[in-house]
Amino acid sequence: MKVHAITRHLPISSQKLRLVCDQVRGMDAEQALNVLRFMPQKGAKFAYKTVHSAMANAENNFELNRLDLYVAQIFADEGPSLKRFKAGARGRYKPRVRRTSHLTVILDTREAQ
């Protein structure tokens, strides 16, 4: 049974968020939460909340045991970019791009061996 959670419009670039996603892909869900809790990156906080939300969806909506879940897929896509301008020298302007991203977490149950 696959369970997913999506967080959209996160104020971080998808490139930075993918570095965090690569660390927890394939882990057990509980272990992934412990790893994300102590990572110093900004994206770890967003990934923690999304994995936690997916686990809550699995427990409440599908009555799955949280110990049987693992991170089957986790990926970050680009969101809309906010284009801003800052004043530059000699009357010019310097463009600034504030990137956002969408984070998707898909949890699955491990088969009994």
N, C-alpha and C. Protein backbone atom coordinates (compact mmCIF):
# COMPACT_ATOMS: atom_id res chain seq x y z
N MET A 1 0.85 -1.18 0.00
CA MET A 1 0.00 0.00 0.00
C MET A 1 0.89 1.23 0.00
N LYS A 2 0.76 2.04 -1.03
CA LYS A 2 1.57 3.26 -1.14
C LYS A 2 0.79 4.44 -0.57
N VAL A 3 1.49 5.21 0.25
CA VAL A 3 0.91 6.40 0.87
C VAL A 3 1.81 7.57 0.53
N HIS A 4 1.22 8.70 0.17
CA HIS A 4 2.04 9.84 -0.20
C HIS A 4 1.62 11.11 0.51
N ALA A 5 2.56 12.04 0.54
CA ALA A 5 2.32 13.39 1.08
C ALA A 5 3.10 14.36 0.20
N ILE A 6 2.50 15.49 -0.10
CA ILE A 6 3.11 16.50 -0.96
C ILE A 6 3.11 17.84 -0.23
N THR A 7 4.26 18.48 -0.24
CA THR A 7 4.36 19.83 0.30
C THR A 7 4.78 20.74 -0.85
N ARG A 8 4.01 21.79 -1.07
CA ARG A 8 4.26 22.64 -2.22
C ARG A 8 4.71 24.03 -1.78
N HIS A 9 5.39 24.71 -2.70
CA HIS A 9 5.84 26.10 -2.54
C HIS A 9 6.77 26.28 -1.34
N LEU A 10 7.73 25.37 -1.18
CA LEU A 10 8.71 25.51 -0.10
C LEU A 10 9.73 26.58 -0.48
N PRO A 11 10.11 27.44 0.44
CA PRO A 11 11.04 28.54 0.10
C PRO A 11 12.51 28.09 0.10
N ILE A 12 12.83 27.10 -0.71
CA ILE A 12 14.19 26.60 -0.84
C ILE A 12 14.34 26.07 -2.26
N SER A 13 15.52 26.13 -2.81
CA SER A 13 15.71 25.63 -4.17
C SER A 13 15.65 24.11 -4.17
N SER A 14 15.20 23.56 -5.27
CA SER A 14 15.05 22.11 -5.35
C SER A 14 16.41 21.42 -5.34
N GLN A 15 17.44 22.08 -5.80
CA GLN A 15 18.78 21.50 -5.79
C GLN A 15 19.26 21.25 -4.35
N LYS A 16 19.01 22.19 -3.47
CA LYS A 16 19.40 22.03 -2.07
C LYS A 16 18.55 20.98 -1.38
N LEU A 17 17.29 20.90 -1.75
CA LEU A 17 16.39 19.93 -1.14
C LEU A 17 16.71 18.51 -1.60
N ARG A 18 17.19 18.35 -2.82
CA ARG A 18 17.54 17.02 -3.33
C ARG A 18 18.71 16.41 -2.58
N LEU A 19 19.62 17.24 -2.08
CA LEU A 19 20.74 16.73 -1.30
C LEU A 19 20.26 16.04 -0.02
N VAL A 20 19.21 16.58 0.58
CA VAL A 20 18.64 15.98 1.78
C VAL A 20 17.85 14.72 1.41
N CYS A 21 17.12 14.77 0.30
CA CYS A 21 16.31 13.63 -0.11
C CYS A 21 17.17 12.40 -0.40
N ASP A 22 18.33 12.60 -0.95
CA ASP A 22 19.21 11.48 -1.28
C ASP A 22 19.68 10.74 -0.04
N GLN A 23 19.73 11.42 1.09
CA GLN A 23 20.21 10.79 2.31
C GLN A 23 19.21 9.81 2.92
N VAL A 24 17.91 10.03 2.72
CA VAL A 24 16.91 9.20 3.40
C VAL A 24 16.15 8.27 2.47
N ARG A 25 16.43 8.31 1.18
CA ARG A 25 15.71 7.45 0.23
C ARG A 25 16.02 5.99 0.53
N GLY A 26 14.97 5.18 0.68
CA GLY A 26 15.12 3.75 0.93
C GLY A 26 15.17 3.37 2.40
N MET A 27 15.25 4.33 3.30
CA MET A 27 15.32 4.04 4.74
C MET A 27 13.95 3.67 5.29
N ASP A 28 13.95 3.03 6.46
CA ASP A 28 12.70 2.87 7.20
C ASP A 28 12.21 4.26 7.60
N ALA A 29 10.91 4.42 7.73
CA ALA A 29 10.34 5.74 7.99
C ALA A 29 10.78 6.29 9.35
N GLU A 30 10.79 5.45 10.37
CA GLU A 30 11.22 5.90 11.70
C GLU A 30 12.69 6.31 11.68
N GLN A 31 13.51 5.53 11.01
CA GLN A 31 14.93 5.84 10.92
C GLN A 31 15.15 7.14 10.13
N ALA A 32 14.36 7.34 9.08
CA ALA A 32 14.47 8.57 8.29
C ALA A 32 14.14 9.80 9.13
N LEU A 33 13.12 9.68 9.99
CA LEU A 33 12.78 10.81 10.87
C LEU A 33 13.92 11.13 11.82
N ASN A 34 14.56 10.10 12.37
CA ASN A 34 15.68 10.34 13.29
C ASN A 34 16.86 10.97 12.57
N VAL A 35 17.14 10.56 11.35
CA VAL A 35 18.24 11.15 10.59
C VAL A 35 17.93 12.60 10.26
N LEU A 36 16.70 12.86 9.80
CA LEU A 36 16.32 14.22 9.41
C LEU A 36 16.29 15.17 10.60
N ARG A 37 15.95 14.66 11.76
CA ARG A 37 15.85 15.51 12.94
C ARG A 37 17.19 16.16 13.30
N PHE A 38 18.29 15.46 13.03
CA PHE A 38 19.59 15.96 13.46
C PHE A 38 20.46 16.46 12.31
N MET A 39 19.91 16.57 11.12
CA MET A 39 20.67 17.13 10.00
C MET A 39 20.68 18.66 10.10
N PRO A 40 21.81 19.31 9.79
CA PRO A 40 21.88 20.76 9.94
C PRO A 40 21.29 21.55 8.76
N GLN A 41 20.97 20.89 7.65
CA GLN A 41 20.49 21.61 6.48
C GLN A 41 19.08 22.15 6.69
N LYS A 42 18.79 23.24 6.01
CA LYS A 42 17.46 23.86 6.09
C LYS A 42 16.40 22.93 5.51
N GLY A 43 16.73 22.21 4.44
CA GLY A 43 15.78 21.32 3.79
C GLY A 43 15.39 20.13 4.64
N ALA A 44 16.19 19.79 5.63
CA ALA A 44 15.88 18.64 6.49
C ALA A 44 14.62 18.90 7.30
N LYS A 45 14.39 20.13 7.67
CA LYS A 45 13.18 20.48 8.43
C LYS A 45 11.93 20.26 7.57
N PHE A 46 11.99 20.67 6.31
CA PHE A 46 10.85 20.49 5.41
C PHE A 46 10.63 19.01 5.12
N ALA A 47 11.71 18.26 4.91
CA ALA A 47 11.59 16.83 4.61
C ALA A 47 11.05 16.09 5.83
N TYR A 48 11.47 16.48 7.03
CA TYR A 48 10.98 15.86 8.26
C TYR A 48 9.46 16.01 8.37
N LYS A 49 8.98 17.22 8.15
CA LYS A 49 7.55 17.47 8.27
C LYS A 49 6.75 16.68 7.23
N THR A 50 7.28 16.55 6.03
CA THR A 50 6.56 15.85 4.97
C THR A 50 6.55 14.35 5.21
N VAL A 51 7.67 13.77 5.66
CA VAL A 51 7.71 12.34 5.99
C VAL A 51 6.79 12.05 7.16
N HIS A 52 6.80 12.93 8.16
CA HIS A 52 5.92 12.77 9.31
C HIS A 52 4.44 12.83 8.89
N SER A 53 4.12 13.71 7.97
CA SER A 53 2.75 13.82 7.47
C SER A 53 2.34 12.56 6.71
N ALA A 54 3.25 12.02 5.92
CA ALA A 54 2.95 10.79 5.18
C ALA A 54 2.72 9.62 6.13
N MET A 55 3.49 9.57 7.22
CA MET A 55 3.28 8.52 8.21
C MET A 55 1.93 8.67 8.90
N ALA A 56 1.54 9.91 9.18
CA ALA A 56 0.24 10.15 9.80
C ALA A 56 -0.89 9.76 8.85
N ASN A 57 -0.71 10.04 7.54
CA ASN A 57 -1.71 9.62 6.56
C ASN A 57 -1.85 8.11 6.54
N ALA A 58 -0.74 7.39 6.64
CA ALA A 58 -0.76 5.93 6.61
C ALA A 58 -1.48 5.37 7.83
N GLU A 59 -1.23 5.97 8.97
CA GLU A 59 -1.86 5.47 10.21
C GLU A 59 -3.35 5.79 10.27
N ASN A 60 -3.70 7.03 9.96
CA ASN A 60 -5.09 7.46 10.14
C ASN A 60 -6.01 7.05 8.99
N ASN A 61 -5.53 7.14 7.76
CA ASN A 61 -6.40 6.88 6.62
C ASN A 61 -6.42 5.42 6.20
N PHE A 62 -5.28 4.71 6.36
CA PHE A 62 -5.20 3.35 5.86
C PHE A 62 -4.93 2.33 6.95
N GLU A 63 -4.82 2.79 8.21
CA GLU A 63 -4.62 1.92 9.37
C GLU A 63 -3.42 0.99 9.20
N LEU A 64 -2.31 1.56 8.74
CA LEU A 64 -1.07 0.80 8.58
C LEU A 64 -0.19 0.99 9.81
N ASN A 65 0.66 0.01 10.08
CA ASN A 65 1.59 0.10 11.19
C ASN A 65 2.79 0.94 10.78
N ARG A 66 3.17 1.90 11.59
CA ARG A 66 4.25 2.81 11.22
C ARG A 66 5.61 2.13 11.21
N LEU A 67 5.74 0.98 11.87
CA LEU A 67 7.02 0.27 11.87
C LEU A 67 7.25 -0.50 10.58
N ASP A 68 6.21 -0.73 9.79
CA ASP A 68 6.35 -1.46 8.53
C ASP A 68 6.62 -0.53 7.34
N LEU A 69 6.62 0.78 7.55
CA LEU A 69 6.75 1.73 6.45
C LEU A 69 8.21 2.04 6.15
N TYR A 70 8.48 2.29 4.88
CA TYR A 70 9.80 2.77 4.46
C TYR A 70 9.62 3.82 3.37
N VAL A 71 10.65 4.61 3.15
CA VAL A 71 10.60 5.69 2.16
C VAL A 71 10.87 5.07 0.79
N ALA A 72 9.82 4.81 0.04
CA ALA A 72 9.97 4.19 -1.28
C ALA A 72 10.49 5.22 -2.29
N GLN A 73 9.91 6.41 -2.28
CA GLN A 73 10.34 7.48 -3.18
C GLN A 73 10.28 8.80 -2.43
N ILE A 74 11.24 9.64 -2.70
CA ILE A 74 11.23 11.01 -2.20
C ILE A 74 11.95 11.86 -3.24
N PHE A 75 11.28 12.90 -3.69
CA PHE A 75 11.89 13.74 -4.72
C PHE A 75 11.40 15.16 -4.61
N ALA A 76 12.23 16.07 -5.13
CA ALA A 76 11.93 17.50 -5.09
C ALA A 76 11.88 18.03 -6.52
N ASP A 77 10.79 18.67 -6.86
CA ASP A 77 10.62 19.29 -8.16
C ASP A 77 10.67 20.80 -8.00
N GLU A 78 10.91 21.48 -9.13
CA GLU A 78 10.96 22.94 -9.09
C GLU A 78 9.55 23.51 -8.98
N GLY A 79 9.43 24.56 -8.18
CA GLY A 79 8.18 25.29 -8.07
C GLY A 79 8.30 26.59 -8.83
N PRO A 80 7.35 27.47 -8.67
CA PRO A 80 7.44 28.76 -9.35
C PRO A 80 8.56 29.62 -8.77
N SER A 81 9.20 30.38 -9.63
CA SER A 81 10.28 31.27 -9.19
C SER A 81 9.74 32.69 -9.07
N LEU A 82 10.10 33.35 -7.99
CA LEU A 82 9.70 34.74 -7.78
C LEU A 82 10.82 35.63 -8.29
N LYS A 83 10.52 36.49 -9.23
CA LYS A 83 11.53 37.35 -9.81
C LYS A 83 11.49 38.71 -9.13
N ARG A 84 12.60 39.06 -8.51
CA ARG A 84 12.72 40.33 -7.79
C ARG A 84 13.90 41.11 -8.37
N PHE A 85 13.94 42.41 -8.11
CA PHE A 85 15.01 43.25 -8.64
C PHE A 85 15.61 44.07 -7.52
N LYS A 86 16.92 44.26 -7.60
CA LYS A 86 17.63 45.07 -6.63
C LYS A 86 18.38 46.16 -7.38
N ALA A 87 18.42 47.33 -6.81
CA ALA A 87 19.08 48.45 -7.47
C ALA A 87 20.57 48.19 -7.58
N GLY A 88 21.14 48.50 -8.74
CA GLY A 88 22.57 48.33 -8.97
C GLY A 88 23.24 49.67 -9.20
N ALA A 89 24.48 49.63 -9.51
CA ALA A 89 25.26 50.85 -9.70
C ALA A 89 24.85 51.54 -11.00
N ARG A 90 24.98 52.86 -11.02
CA ARG A 90 24.74 53.69 -12.21
C ARG A 90 23.33 53.54 -12.76
N GLY A 91 22.35 53.42 -11.88
CA GLY A 91 20.96 53.39 -12.29
C GLY A 91 20.49 52.08 -12.87
N ARG A 92 21.29 51.07 -12.78
CA ARG A 92 20.88 49.77 -13.32
C ARG A 92 20.21 48.95 -12.24
N TYR A 93 19.74 47.77 -12.63
CA TYR A 93 19.14 46.88 -11.64
C TYR A 93 19.77 45.50 -11.78
N LYS A 94 19.73 44.77 -10.70
CA LYS A 94 20.28 43.42 -10.67
C LYS A 94 19.12 42.45 -10.39
N PRO A 95 18.89 41.50 -11.28
CA PRO A 95 17.78 40.56 -11.05
C PRO A 95 18.12 39.56 -9.95
N ARG A 96 17.13 39.22 -9.15
CA ARG A 96 17.23 38.19 -8.13
C ARG A 96 16.12 37.19 -8.40
N VAL A 97 16.42 35.92 -8.31
CA VAL A 97 15.42 34.87 -8.51
C VAL A 97 15.28 34.10 -7.21
N ARG A 98 14.09 34.12 -6.63
CA ARG A 98 13.82 33.37 -5.40
C ARG A 98 13.14 32.08 -5.81
N ARG A 99 13.86 31.00 -5.68
CA ARG A 99 13.36 29.71 -6.15
C ARG A 99 12.53 29.02 -5.07
N THR A 100 11.52 28.27 -5.52
CA THR A 100 10.71 27.46 -4.62
C THR A 100 10.72 26.03 -5.14
N SER A 101 10.21 25.12 -4.33
CA SER A 101 10.20 23.72 -4.75
C SER A 101 8.99 23.00 -4.18
N HIS A 102 8.70 21.85 -4.77
CA HIS A 102 7.63 20.97 -4.32
C HIS A 102 8.27 19.66 -3.89
N LEU A 103 7.94 19.17 -2.69
CA LEU A 103 8.51 17.95 -2.16
C LEU A 103 7.43 16.87 -2.11
N THR A 104 7.74 15.69 -2.64
CA THR A 104 6.82 14.56 -2.65
C THR A 104 7.48 13.38 -1.95
N VAL A 105 6.75 12.78 -1.00
CA VAL A 105 7.22 11.60 -0.28
C VAL A 105 6.21 10.49 -0.48
N ILE A 106 6.70 9.31 -0.91
CA ILE A 106 5.85 8.14 -1.07
C ILE A 106 6.37 7.04 -0.17
N LEU A 107 5.56 6.62 0.78
CA LEU A 107 5.90 5.54 1.70
C LEU A 107 5.22 4.27 1.24
N ASP A 108 5.87 3.14 1.48
CA ASP A 108 5.32 1.84 1.12
C ASP A 108 5.57 0.89 2.28
N THR A 109 4.84 -0.21 2.32
CA THR A 109 5.02 -1.20 3.39
C THR A 109 6.00 -2.26 2.93
N ARG A 110 6.82 -2.71 3.86
CA ARG A 110 7.74 -3.80 3.58
C ARG A 110 6.98 -5.12 3.65
N GLU A 111 7.28 -6.00 2.73
CA GLU A 111 6.64 -7.30 2.73
C GLU A 111 7.26 -8.18 3.81
N ALA A 112 6.44 -9.00 4.46
CA ALA A 112 6.94 -9.89 5.52
C ALA A 112 7.81 -10.98 4.88
N GLN A 113 8.96 -11.24 5.52
CA GLN A 113 9.89 -12.22 4.95
C GLN A 113 9.85 -13.53 5.69
